[in-house]
Amino acid sequence: MQYTQEMILRSDSGYCMPYEEKGRDVQMSLGYGKQKHPHTGEPFFHHGVDFKANHYLLSAVATGKISGLGNDAVHGIYQVTRYGDYEVKYAHLSNVFANYGSEVKAGQVIAVSGEILHMEVKYKGEELNPLEFLTMIYSNLKVMEQNGQPGAVPQFVTLDMDVRTMYDKDSKEIENLMMRFFPDYMKDISLGAYTLPEHTQFTLRNILSLSATKNYFYETIPSMANPLGMSARSIPIAERVQNLLIGDFLNYLALRHQIFLSSLSDHEKKKHMNWP
């Protein structure tokens, strides 16, 4: 498809994909158009594309607004985001972080995929091949990069540093808890139902201020996994922030849901319940 000038969509995040693949190329499991059903083998017309993205964090591809949410027998939980004249649907979701009517920014995490991500795209109500849509964004980003416009570097790299935390032994359990409760955590913070302890806020402010004065940020190209462009020099800073944020999330689970890591002793559980 040929995209005219008025159809060009700009992504201010510098990315063209809803998620970032780690250690491998993006895996598409089912293309757009005439396909054979993966389970029955029957021919059918597929109105989107499917990616192998098992419980991946999904980002907005540009700045827009959530225009639809739902749950049906075909696509399960789905979310529709409007970017100007475009509407992009993410389906087969396990959770959503942005509710109907919410304004979202390019690169902002708005949902979590299920075992796959089904994606559909429409322009002024007309259905498009999502791969052509993503290619259009990528091409536009490359033009912006060549023109020297800031923030337009569509690189897909992960945080290339070994960040250790005091919670590493429980990382799998924490990841599972985050998939289930992180949206509630963010919602309760935004509504004032849960407030970060003052000492946590104070410590975070001090860490970020100190890091800025020492020029720790934007030493490398930013990515979704490393939005501040931190280099290996920043490992101690990243570890301190990770410890604080994970600790606060666990504190929230203890106070609001009475949920604790299975490895915690009774003494450690009481400590979380009395987190200042």
Protein backbone atom coordinates (compact mmCIF):
# COMPACT_ATOMS: atom_id res chain seq x y z
CA MET A 1 0.00 0.00 0.00
CA GLN A 2 1.19 3.52 -0.79
CA TYR A 3 0.90 5.88 2.18
CA THR A 4 0.16 9.49 1.27
CA GLN A 5 1.61 12.37 3.28
CA GLU A 6 -1.55 12.82 5.37
CA MET A 7 -1.48 9.12 6.29
CA ILE A 8 2.01 9.24 7.81
CA LEU A 9 1.91 8.55 11.54
CA ARG A 10 4.77 9.82 13.66
CA SER A 11 5.92 7.91 16.73
CA ASP A 12 7.60 10.25 19.17
CA SER A 13 8.95 7.29 21.17
CA GLY A 14 11.33 6.25 18.40
CA TYR A 15 9.79 2.76 18.16
CA CYS A 16 7.52 1.10 15.65
CA MET A 17 6.57 -2.12 17.49
CA PRO A 18 4.15 -2.58 20.42
CA TYR A 19 6.77 -4.58 22.31
CA GLU A 20 10.47 -5.27 22.37
CA GLU A 21 11.70 -8.78 21.61
CA LYS A 22 14.58 -9.96 23.76
CA GLY A 23 17.41 -11.94 22.23
CA ARG A 24 15.64 -12.91 19.00
CA ASP A 25 13.73 -11.56 16.03
CA VAL A 26 10.02 -10.81 16.31
CA GLN A 27 8.05 -14.05 15.86
CA MET A 28 4.87 -13.81 13.77
CA SER A 29 2.60 -16.85 14.07
CA LEU A 30 -0.20 -15.89 11.66
CA GLY A 31 -0.26 -13.32 8.86
CA TYR A 32 -2.93 -11.03 7.43
CA GLY A 33 -5.45 -12.13 4.78
CA LYS A 34 -6.32 -15.64 3.60
CA GLN A 35 -4.93 -18.14 6.09
CA LYS A 36 -5.47 -21.65 7.38
CA HIS A 37 -6.79 -21.85 10.92
CA PRO A 38 -3.89 -23.04 13.15
CA HIS A 39 -6.14 -25.52 14.99
CA THR A 40 -8.77 -26.68 12.48
CA GLY A 41 -6.84 -26.22 9.24
CA GLU A 42 -9.89 -24.56 7.69
CA PRO A 43 -9.29 -21.61 5.34
CA PHE A 44 -10.43 -18.22 6.64
CA PHE A 45 -9.68 -14.51 6.26
CA HIS A 46 -7.50 -13.19 9.08
CA HIS A 47 -8.21 -9.50 9.74
CA GLY A 48 -4.96 -8.90 11.61
CA VAL A 49 -1.61 -10.46 12.41
CA ASP A 50 -0.62 -12.64 15.38
CA PHE A 51 2.74 -12.44 17.14
CA LYS A 52 4.29 -14.87 19.59
CA ALA A 53 4.42 -12.59 22.62
CA ASN A 54 3.74 -14.57 25.77
CA HIS A 55 2.79 -12.07 28.49
CA TYR A 56 4.77 -9.19 27.00
CA LEU A 57 4.32 -5.58 28.04
CA LEU A 58 2.68 -3.73 25.14
CA SER A 59 3.27 -0.06 24.37
CA ALA A 60 1.36 2.58 22.44
CA VAL A 61 2.98 3.03 19.01
CA ALA A 62 2.26 6.77 18.99
CA THR A 63 0.48 9.40 21.07
CA GLY A 64 -3.29 8.84 21.14
CA LYS A 65 -6.33 7.85 23.16
CA ILE A 66 -7.93 4.56 24.24
CA SER A 67 -11.13 4.35 22.17
CA GLY A 68 -12.32 0.85 22.96
CA LEU A 69 -12.15 -1.99 25.48
CA GLY A 70 -13.96 -5.29 25.45
CA ASN A 71 -13.99 -9.04 25.78
CA ASP A 72 -15.43 -11.42 23.20
CA ALA A 73 -15.31 -15.10 22.28
CA VAL A 74 -13.02 -14.56 19.28
CA HIS A 75 -10.35 -12.20 20.60
CA GLY A 76 -10.72 -12.40 24.37
CA ILE A 77 -9.77 -9.17 26.13
CA TYR A 78 -9.02 -6.45 23.58
CA GLN A 79 -8.05 -2.78 23.61
CA VAL A 80 -8.39 -0.22 20.81
CA THR A 81 -6.24 2.91 20.64
CA ARG A 82 -6.95 5.82 18.29
CA TYR A 83 -4.01 7.68 16.78
CA GLY A 84 -5.57 10.43 14.70
CA ASP A 85 -7.39 8.64 11.86
CA TYR A 86 -5.89 5.28 12.80
CA GLU A 87 -7.36 2.73 15.18
CA VAL A 88 -5.11 -0.08 16.41
CA LYS A 89 -6.51 -3.10 18.23
CA TYR A 90 -4.50 -5.29 20.60
CA ALA A 91 -6.31 -8.56 21.37
CA HIS A 92 -5.85 -11.81 23.33
CA LEU A 93 -4.65 -9.66 26.25
CA SER A 94 -4.09 -10.87 29.78
CA ASN A 95 -4.46 -7.38 31.26
CA VAL A 96 -4.82 -3.69 30.39
CA PHE A 97 -3.13 -0.71 32.05
CA ALA A 98 -4.94 2.11 30.23
CA ASN A 99 -8.74 2.37 30.47
CA TYR A 100 -11.30 3.70 28.02
CA GLY A 101 -10.85 7.41 27.33
CA SER A 102 -7.30 7.51 28.70
CA GLU A 103 -4.79 9.59 26.77
CA VAL A 104 -1.57 7.68 26.10
CA LYS A 105 1.88 8.71 24.96
CA ALA A 106 4.14 7.04 22.42
CA GLY A 107 6.05 4.23 24.12
CA GLN A 108 3.76 4.15 27.18
CA VAL A 109 2.95 0.62 28.40
CA ILE A 110 -0.82 0.18 28.02
CA ALA A 111 -1.45 -3.59 28.21
CA VAL A 112 -0.03 -7.09 28.65
CA SER A 113 -0.38 -9.76 25.97
CA GLY A 114 -1.68 -13.25 26.61
CA GLU A 115 0.06 -16.20 24.96
CA ILE A 116 -0.06 -14.26 21.67
CA LEU A 117 -0.72 -10.72 20.50
CA HIS A 118 -3.38 -10.25 17.83
CA MET A 119 -3.14 -6.83 16.18
CA GLU A 120 -5.55 -5.12 13.79
CA VAL A 121 -5.31 -1.69 12.13
CA LYS A 122 -7.88 0.58 10.48
CA TYR A 123 -7.48 3.95 8.77
CA LYS A 124 -10.69 6.02 8.63
CA GLY A 125 -12.57 2.76 9.15
CA GLU A 126 -10.77 0.92 6.33
CA GLU A 127 -8.90 -2.22 7.32
CA LEU A 128 -5.14 -2.32 6.69
CA ASN A 129 -2.47 -4.98 6.88
CA PRO A 130 -0.81 -4.29 10.26
CA LEU A 131 2.61 -5.21 8.89
CA GLU A 132 2.33 -2.47 6.27
CA PHE A 133 1.27 -0.06 9.02
CA LEU A 134 4.27 -0.95 11.21
CA THR A 135 6.58 -0.71 8.21
CA MET A 136 5.22 2.77 7.48
CA ILE A 137 6.04 3.92 11.02
CA TYR A 138 9.51 2.40 10.80
CA SER A 139 10.19 4.09 7.45
CA ASN A 140 9.04 7.41 8.85
CA LEU A 141 11.34 6.99 11.84
CA LYS A 142 14.29 6.28 9.55
CA VAL A 143 13.57 9.49 7.61
CA MET A 144 13.38 11.43 10.88
CA GLU A 145 16.67 9.89 11.98
CA GLN A 146 18.36 10.86 8.70
CA ASN A 147 17.07 14.41 9.15
CA GLY A 148 18.65 14.54 12.59
CA GLN A 149 15.40 14.87 14.53
CA PRO A 150 15.87 13.92 18.21
CA GLY A 151 14.16 10.89 19.68
CA ALA A 152 13.70 9.23 16.31
CA VAL A 153 16.03 6.27 16.64
CA PRO A 154 14.10 3.02 16.10
CA GLN A 155 16.59 0.75 17.82
CA PHE A 156 15.40 -2.39 19.58
CA VAL A 157 18.00 -3.12 22.21
CA THR A 158 17.74 -4.37 25.76
CA LEU A 159 19.44 -3.12 28.89
CA ASP A 160 22.90 -4.53 28.26
CA MET A 161 24.05 -4.72 31.84
CA ASP A 162 23.85 -7.26 34.63
CA VAL A 163 21.55 -5.53 37.13
CA ARG A 164 21.31 -7.51 40.35
CA THR A 165 18.82 -6.94 43.14
CA MET A 166 18.20 -8.37 46.57
CA TYR A 167 15.12 -10.07 45.10
CA ASP A 168 16.82 -12.09 42.36
CA LYS A 169 16.14 -15.44 44.01
CA ASP A 170 12.40 -14.67 43.88
CA SER A 171 12.41 -13.04 40.42
CA LYS A 172 10.05 -15.55 38.77
CA GLU A 173 7.49 -15.29 41.57
CA ILE A 174 7.72 -11.48 41.52
CA GLU A 175 7.22 -11.40 37.74
CA ASN A 176 4.07 -13.50 38.11
CA LEU A 177 2.76 -11.23 40.87
CA MET A 178 3.45 -8.16 38.73
CA MET A 179 1.53 -9.60 35.80
CA ARG A 180 -1.45 -10.06 38.10
CA PHE A 181 -1.33 -7.05 40.41
CA PHE A 182 0.75 -4.29 38.75
CA PRO A 183 -2.29 -2.64 37.10
CA ASP A 184 -4.02 -2.54 40.52
CA TYR A 185 -0.87 -1.10 42.05
CA MET A 186 -0.71 1.72 39.47
CA LYS A 187 -4.45 2.35 39.70
CA ASP A 188 -4.40 2.59 43.50
CA ILE A 189 -1.47 5.01 43.36
CA SER A 190 -3.26 7.23 40.82
CA LEU A 191 -6.45 7.22 42.92
CA GLY A 192 -4.59 7.88 46.17
CA ALA A 193 -5.68 4.54 47.63
CA TYR A 194 -2.02 3.68 48.12
CA THR A 195 0.77 6.20 48.67
CA LEU A 196 4.48 5.58 48.33
CA PRO A 197 6.15 5.98 51.72
CA GLU A 198 7.85 9.36 52.10
CA HIS A 199 11.26 7.78 52.59
CA THR A 200 10.89 5.91 49.27
CA GLN A 201 9.95 9.09 47.42
CA PHE A 202 12.78 11.01 49.06
CA THR A 203 15.37 8.31 48.26
CA LEU A 204 14.25 8.07 44.62
CA ARG A 205 14.45 11.84 44.17
CA ASN A 206 17.96 11.86 45.63
CA ILE A 207 19.13 8.99 43.42
CA LEU A 208 17.77 10.57 40.24
CA SER A 209 19.11 14.03 41.10
CA LEU A 210 22.56 12.64 41.87
CA SER A 211 22.53 10.56 38.67
CA ALA A 212 21.64 13.60 36.59
CA THR A 213 24.47 15.68 38.07
CA LYS A 214 26.93 12.85 37.31
CA ASN A 215 25.62 12.55 33.72
CA TYR A 216 24.56 8.91 34.03
CA PHE A 217 21.62 9.34 31.64
CA TYR A 218 21.59 9.09 27.82
CA GLU A 219 25.09 7.68 27.52
CA THR A 220 23.65 5.09 25.10
CA ILE A 221 20.71 5.03 22.68
CA PRO A 222 17.46 4.82 24.69
CA SER A 223 15.19 1.81 24.21
CA MET A 224 11.96 0.57 25.76
CA ALA A 225 13.99 -1.57 28.17
CA ASN A 226 16.42 1.29 28.84
CA PRO A 227 14.49 4.55 28.33
CA LEU A 228 17.12 6.70 30.06
CA GLY A 229 19.96 5.36 27.94
CA MET A 230 21.97 4.20 30.94
CA SER A 231 25.33 2.48 30.39
CA ALA A 232 27.14 -0.16 32.44
CA ARG A 233 28.58 2.71 34.52
CA SER A 234 25.10 3.14 35.96
CA ILE A 235 24.68 -0.39 37.32
CA PRO A 236 24.81 0.65 41.01
CA ILE A 237 22.16 3.32 40.36
CA ALA A 238 19.91 0.88 38.47
CA GLU A 239 20.25 -1.68 41.26
CA ARG A 240 19.29 0.82 43.96
CA VAL A 241 16.24 1.97 42.03
CA GLN A 242 15.19 -1.61 41.28
CA ASN A 243 15.46 -2.56 44.94
CA LEU A 244 13.34 0.43 45.97
CA LEU A 245 10.61 -0.14 43.38
CA ILE A 246 10.35 -3.89 43.88
CA GLY A 247 10.33 -3.39 47.64
CA ASP A 248 7.50 -0.89 47.39
CA PHE A 249 5.47 -3.19 45.13
CA LEU A 250 5.86 -6.01 47.68
CA ASN A 251 4.90 -3.59 50.42
CA TYR A 252 1.73 -2.76 48.48
CA LEU A 253 0.86 -6.45 48.13
CA ALA A 254 1.32 -6.95 51.86
CA LEU A 255 -0.74 -3.93 52.93
CA ARG A 256 -3.53 -4.05 50.33
CA HIS A 257 -3.82 -7.76 49.53
CA GLN A 258 -2.04 -9.57 52.39
CA ILE A 259 0.12 -11.37 49.83
CA PHE A 260 3.76 -12.21 50.58
CA LEU A 261 6.61 -13.95 48.80
CA SER A 262 6.64 -17.64 49.62
CA SER A 263 10.29 -17.37 50.74
CA LEU A 264 9.55 -14.82 53.49
CA SER A 265 9.72 -15.79 57.14
CA ASP A 266 7.04 -14.69 59.59
CA HIS A 267 9.41 -11.99 60.87
CA GLU A 268 9.95 -10.65 57.35
CA LYS A 269 6.20 -10.64 56.71
CA LYS A 270 5.63 -8.51 59.81
CA LYS A 271 8.39 -6.19 58.61
CA HIS A 272 6.55 -5.63 55.32
CA MET A 273 3.28 -4.99 57.16
CA ASN A 274 5.04 -2.26 59.14
CA TRP A 275 6.84 -0.70 56.14
CA PRO A 276 7.14 3.03 57.01
